[in-house]
């Protein structure tokens, strides 16, 4: 499941408890991501899911749920 994998990756990247990450978790506000963190997150998600994420796309999504939905839509397009 995409959501569970995204949670796992973000918990690892931001050194936080996976149970504290929900669909409503704000990447910048709750996890403290800065622009460098977002670039690293993009690369990690691209590698994990085999997709291409533009910088503009990732900045449009603020929460874990929004990012998960975006990745799922990308995977559906590539299927």
N, C-alpha and C. Protein backbone atom coordinates (compact mmCIF):
# COMPACT_ATOMS: atom_id res chain seq x y z
N UNK A 1 0.84 -1.18 0.00
CA UNK A 1 0.00 0.00 0.00
C UNK A 1 0.89 1.25 0.00
N UNK A 2 0.59 2.17 -0.88
CA UNK A 2 1.41 3.37 -1.07
C UNK A 2 1.49 4.18 0.22
N UNK A 3 0.36 4.41 0.87
CA UNK A 3 0.34 5.23 2.09
C UNK A 3 1.28 4.68 3.15
N UNK A 4 1.24 3.40 3.38
CA UNK A 4 2.10 2.79 4.40
C UNK A 4 3.58 2.96 4.06
N UNK A 5 3.92 2.81 2.79
CA UNK A 5 5.32 2.96 2.37
C UNK A 5 5.76 4.42 2.50
N UNK A 6 4.89 5.35 2.12
CA UNK A 6 5.21 6.77 2.26
C UNK A 6 5.45 7.10 3.73
N UNK A 7 4.58 6.62 4.61
CA UNK A 7 4.76 6.84 6.05
C UNK A 7 6.10 6.30 6.53
N UNK A 8 6.42 5.10 6.10
CA UNK A 8 7.68 4.46 6.51
C UNK A 8 8.89 5.28 6.05
N UNK A 9 8.87 5.73 4.81
CA UNK A 9 9.98 6.51 4.28
C UNK A 9 10.11 7.85 4.99
N UNK A 10 8.99 8.51 5.23
CA UNK A 10 9.03 9.81 5.90
C UNK A 10 9.47 9.68 7.36
N UNK A 11 9.01 8.64 8.03
CA UNK A 11 9.43 8.42 9.42
C UNK A 11 10.94 8.24 9.48
N UNK A 12 11.48 7.53 8.52
CA UNK A 12 12.93 7.32 8.47
C UNK A 12 13.66 8.62 8.16
N UNK A 13 13.19 9.34 7.14
CA UNK A 13 13.86 10.57 6.73
C UNK A 13 13.84 11.63 7.83
N UNK A 14 12.71 11.75 8.51
CA UNK A 14 12.56 12.81 9.51
C UNK A 14 12.75 12.32 10.94
N UNK A 15 13.22 11.08 11.06
CA UNK A 15 13.54 10.51 12.37
C UNK A 15 12.41 10.72 13.37
N UNK A 16 11.22 10.27 12.98
CA UNK A 16 10.05 10.41 13.83
C UNK A 16 9.31 9.08 13.91
N UNK A 17 8.47 8.96 14.91
CA UNK A 17 7.68 7.74 15.12
C UNK A 17 6.65 7.60 14.00
N UNK A 18 6.64 6.46 13.35
CA UNK A 18 5.73 6.22 12.22
C UNK A 18 4.27 6.39 12.64
N UNK A 19 3.95 6.09 13.89
CA UNK A 19 2.57 6.21 14.36
C UNK A 19 2.12 7.66 14.50
N UNK A 20 3.06 8.59 14.49
CA UNK A 20 2.71 10.01 14.59
C UNK A 20 2.42 10.62 13.22
N UNK A 21 2.67 9.86 12.16
CA UNK A 21 2.42 10.35 10.81
C UNK A 21 1.05 9.85 10.36
N UNK A 22 0.19 10.81 9.99
CA UNK A 22 -1.14 10.49 9.48
C UNK A 22 -1.31 11.14 8.12
N UNK A 23 -2.45 10.91 7.50
CA UNK A 23 -2.72 11.54 6.21
C UNK A 23 -2.77 13.06 6.34
N UNK A 24 -3.10 13.55 7.53
CA UNK A 24 -3.21 14.99 7.76
C UNK A 24 -1.89 15.64 8.15
N UNK A 25 -0.85 14.86 8.37
CA UNK A 25 0.45 15.41 8.77
C UNK A 25 0.97 16.36 7.71
N UNK A 26 1.29 17.58 8.14
CA UNK A 26 1.85 18.60 7.25
C UNK A 26 3.36 18.38 7.17
N UNK A 27 3.86 18.23 5.96
CA UNK A 27 5.28 17.89 5.76
C UNK A 27 6.19 18.97 6.35
N UNK A 28 5.90 20.23 6.05
CA UNK A 28 6.75 21.31 6.56
C UNK A 28 6.40 21.64 8.01
N UNK A 29 5.13 21.83 8.28
CA UNK A 29 4.70 22.27 9.61
C UNK A 29 4.91 21.25 10.70
N UNK A 30 4.53 20.00 10.45
CA UNK A 30 4.60 18.97 11.48
C UNK A 30 5.94 18.23 11.50
N UNK A 31 6.52 18.03 10.32
CA UNK A 31 7.78 17.28 10.25
C UNK A 31 9.00 18.20 10.16
N UNK A 32 8.76 19.49 9.94
CA UNK A 32 9.86 20.45 9.91
C UNK A 32 10.69 20.41 8.65
N UNK A 33 10.10 19.97 7.54
CA UNK A 33 10.85 19.87 6.29
C UNK A 33 11.19 21.25 5.73
N UNK A 34 12.45 21.39 5.32
CA UNK A 34 12.85 22.60 4.60
C UNK A 34 13.03 22.24 3.13
N UNK A 35 13.49 23.18 2.32
CA UNK A 35 13.58 22.92 0.88
C UNK A 35 14.54 21.79 0.55
N UNK A 36 15.63 21.67 1.29
CA UNK A 36 16.56 20.57 1.06
C UNK A 36 15.91 19.23 1.40
N UNK A 37 15.16 19.20 2.50
CA UNK A 37 14.44 17.98 2.87
C UNK A 37 13.46 17.57 1.78
N UNK A 38 12.79 18.55 1.18
CA UNK A 38 11.83 18.24 0.12
C UNK A 38 12.51 17.65 -1.10
N UNK A 39 13.68 18.18 -1.45
CA UNK A 39 14.43 17.62 -2.58
C UNK A 39 14.84 16.18 -2.29
N UNK A 40 15.32 15.93 -1.08
CA UNK A 40 15.69 14.57 -0.69
C UNK A 40 14.47 13.66 -0.71
N UNK A 41 13.32 14.17 -0.25
CA UNK A 41 12.10 13.39 -0.24
C UNK A 41 11.68 13.03 -1.66
N UNK A 42 11.77 13.99 -2.58
CA UNK A 42 11.43 13.74 -3.97
C UNK A 42 12.28 12.60 -4.52
N UNK A 43 13.57 12.68 -4.32
CA UNK A 43 14.47 11.64 -4.84
C UNK A 43 14.15 10.28 -4.23
N UNK A 44 13.87 10.25 -2.95
CA UNK A 44 13.56 9.00 -2.26
C UNK A 44 12.26 8.39 -2.81
N UNK A 45 11.24 9.23 -2.98
CA UNK A 45 9.95 8.73 -3.48
C UNK A 45 10.06 8.30 -4.94
N UNK A 46 10.82 9.04 -5.74
CA UNK A 46 11.02 8.65 -7.14
C UNK A 46 11.68 7.28 -7.23
N UNK A 47 12.71 7.09 -6.43
CA UNK A 47 13.43 5.81 -6.45
C UNK A 47 12.54 4.67 -5.97
N UNK A 48 11.81 4.91 -4.90
CA UNK A 48 10.98 3.86 -4.31
C UNK A 48 9.85 3.42 -5.24
N UNK A 49 9.20 4.41 -5.88
CA UNK A 49 8.01 4.10 -6.67
C UNK A 49 8.24 4.09 -8.18
N UNK A 50 9.47 4.41 -8.62
CA UNK A 50 9.77 4.38 -10.05
C UNK A 50 9.00 5.42 -10.85
N UNK A 51 8.83 6.61 -10.27
CA UNK A 51 8.11 7.69 -10.94
C UNK A 51 9.00 8.92 -11.01
N UNK A 52 8.56 9.91 -11.78
CA UNK A 52 9.26 11.19 -11.86
C UNK A 52 8.36 12.24 -11.23
N UNK A 53 8.91 12.98 -10.28
CA UNK A 53 8.16 14.03 -9.59
C UNK A 53 8.87 15.35 -9.86
N UNK A 54 8.15 16.30 -10.43
CA UNK A 54 8.76 17.61 -10.67
C UNK A 54 8.78 18.40 -9.36
N UNK A 55 9.71 19.32 -9.27
CA UNK A 55 9.79 20.16 -8.07
C UNK A 55 8.49 20.92 -7.86
N UNK A 56 7.90 21.40 -8.96
CA UNK A 56 6.65 22.15 -8.85
C UNK A 56 5.54 21.28 -8.28
N UNK A 57 5.50 20.03 -8.67
CA UNK A 57 4.45 19.13 -8.19
C UNK A 57 4.54 18.93 -6.69
N UNK A 58 5.72 18.68 -6.19
CA UNK A 58 5.86 18.34 -4.78
C UNK A 58 5.54 19.54 -3.89
N UNK A 59 5.81 20.75 -4.37
CA UNK A 59 5.51 21.93 -3.55
C UNK A 59 4.01 22.20 -3.50
N UNK A 60 3.24 21.62 -4.42
CA UNK A 60 1.79 21.82 -4.43
C UNK A 60 1.09 20.98 -3.37
N UNK A 61 1.76 19.97 -2.86
CA UNK A 61 1.15 19.06 -1.90
C UNK A 61 1.76 19.28 -0.53
N UNK A 62 0.91 19.54 0.44
CA UNK A 62 1.39 19.91 1.78
C UNK A 62 1.34 18.77 2.78
N UNK A 63 0.40 17.85 2.61
CA UNK A 63 0.21 16.80 3.61
C UNK A 63 0.61 15.43 3.08
N UNK A 64 0.78 14.50 3.99
CA UNK A 64 1.12 13.13 3.62
C UNK A 64 0.02 12.54 2.74
N UNK A 65 -1.23 12.83 3.06
CA UNK A 65 -2.35 12.33 2.27
C UNK A 65 -2.34 12.85 0.84
N UNK A 66 -2.02 14.14 0.69
CA UNK A 66 -1.96 14.73 -0.65
C UNK A 66 -0.82 14.14 -1.47
N UNK A 67 0.31 13.94 -0.84
CA UNK A 67 1.45 13.35 -1.54
C UNK A 67 1.14 11.90 -1.92
N UNK A 68 0.50 11.17 -1.01
CA UNK A 68 0.13 9.78 -1.30
C UNK A 68 -0.82 9.71 -2.48
N UNK A 69 -1.84 10.58 -2.50
CA UNK A 69 -2.80 10.59 -3.60
C UNK A 69 -2.10 10.91 -4.92
N UNK A 70 -1.16 11.85 -4.89
CA UNK A 70 -0.40 12.20 -6.09
C UNK A 70 0.40 10.99 -6.60
N UNK A 71 1.08 10.31 -5.70
CA UNK A 71 1.88 9.13 -6.10
C UNK A 71 0.97 8.05 -6.68
N UNK A 72 -0.18 7.82 -6.03
CA UNK A 72 -1.12 6.81 -6.53
C UNK A 72 -1.60 7.17 -7.93
N UNK A 73 -1.86 8.46 -8.18
CA UNK A 73 -2.30 8.87 -9.52
C UNK A 73 -1.19 8.68 -10.55
N UNK A 74 0.05 8.94 -10.16
CA UNK A 74 1.18 8.72 -11.06
C UNK A 74 1.35 7.24 -11.37
N UNK A 75 1.18 6.40 -10.37
CA UNK A 75 1.31 4.96 -10.58
C UNK A 75 0.19 4.45 -11.48
N UNK A 76 -1.02 5.00 -11.32
CA UNK A 76 -2.14 4.60 -12.18
C UNK A 76 -1.88 4.98 -13.63
N UNK A 77 -1.29 6.16 -13.85
CA UNK A 77 -0.97 6.61 -15.21
C UNK A 77 0.06 5.70 -15.87
N UNK A 78 1.00 5.23 -15.07
CA UNK A 78 2.09 4.40 -15.60
C UNK A 78 1.71 2.93 -15.73
N UNK A 79 0.56 2.56 -15.21
CA UNK A 79 0.16 1.14 -15.21
C UNK A 79 -0.29 0.69 -16.58
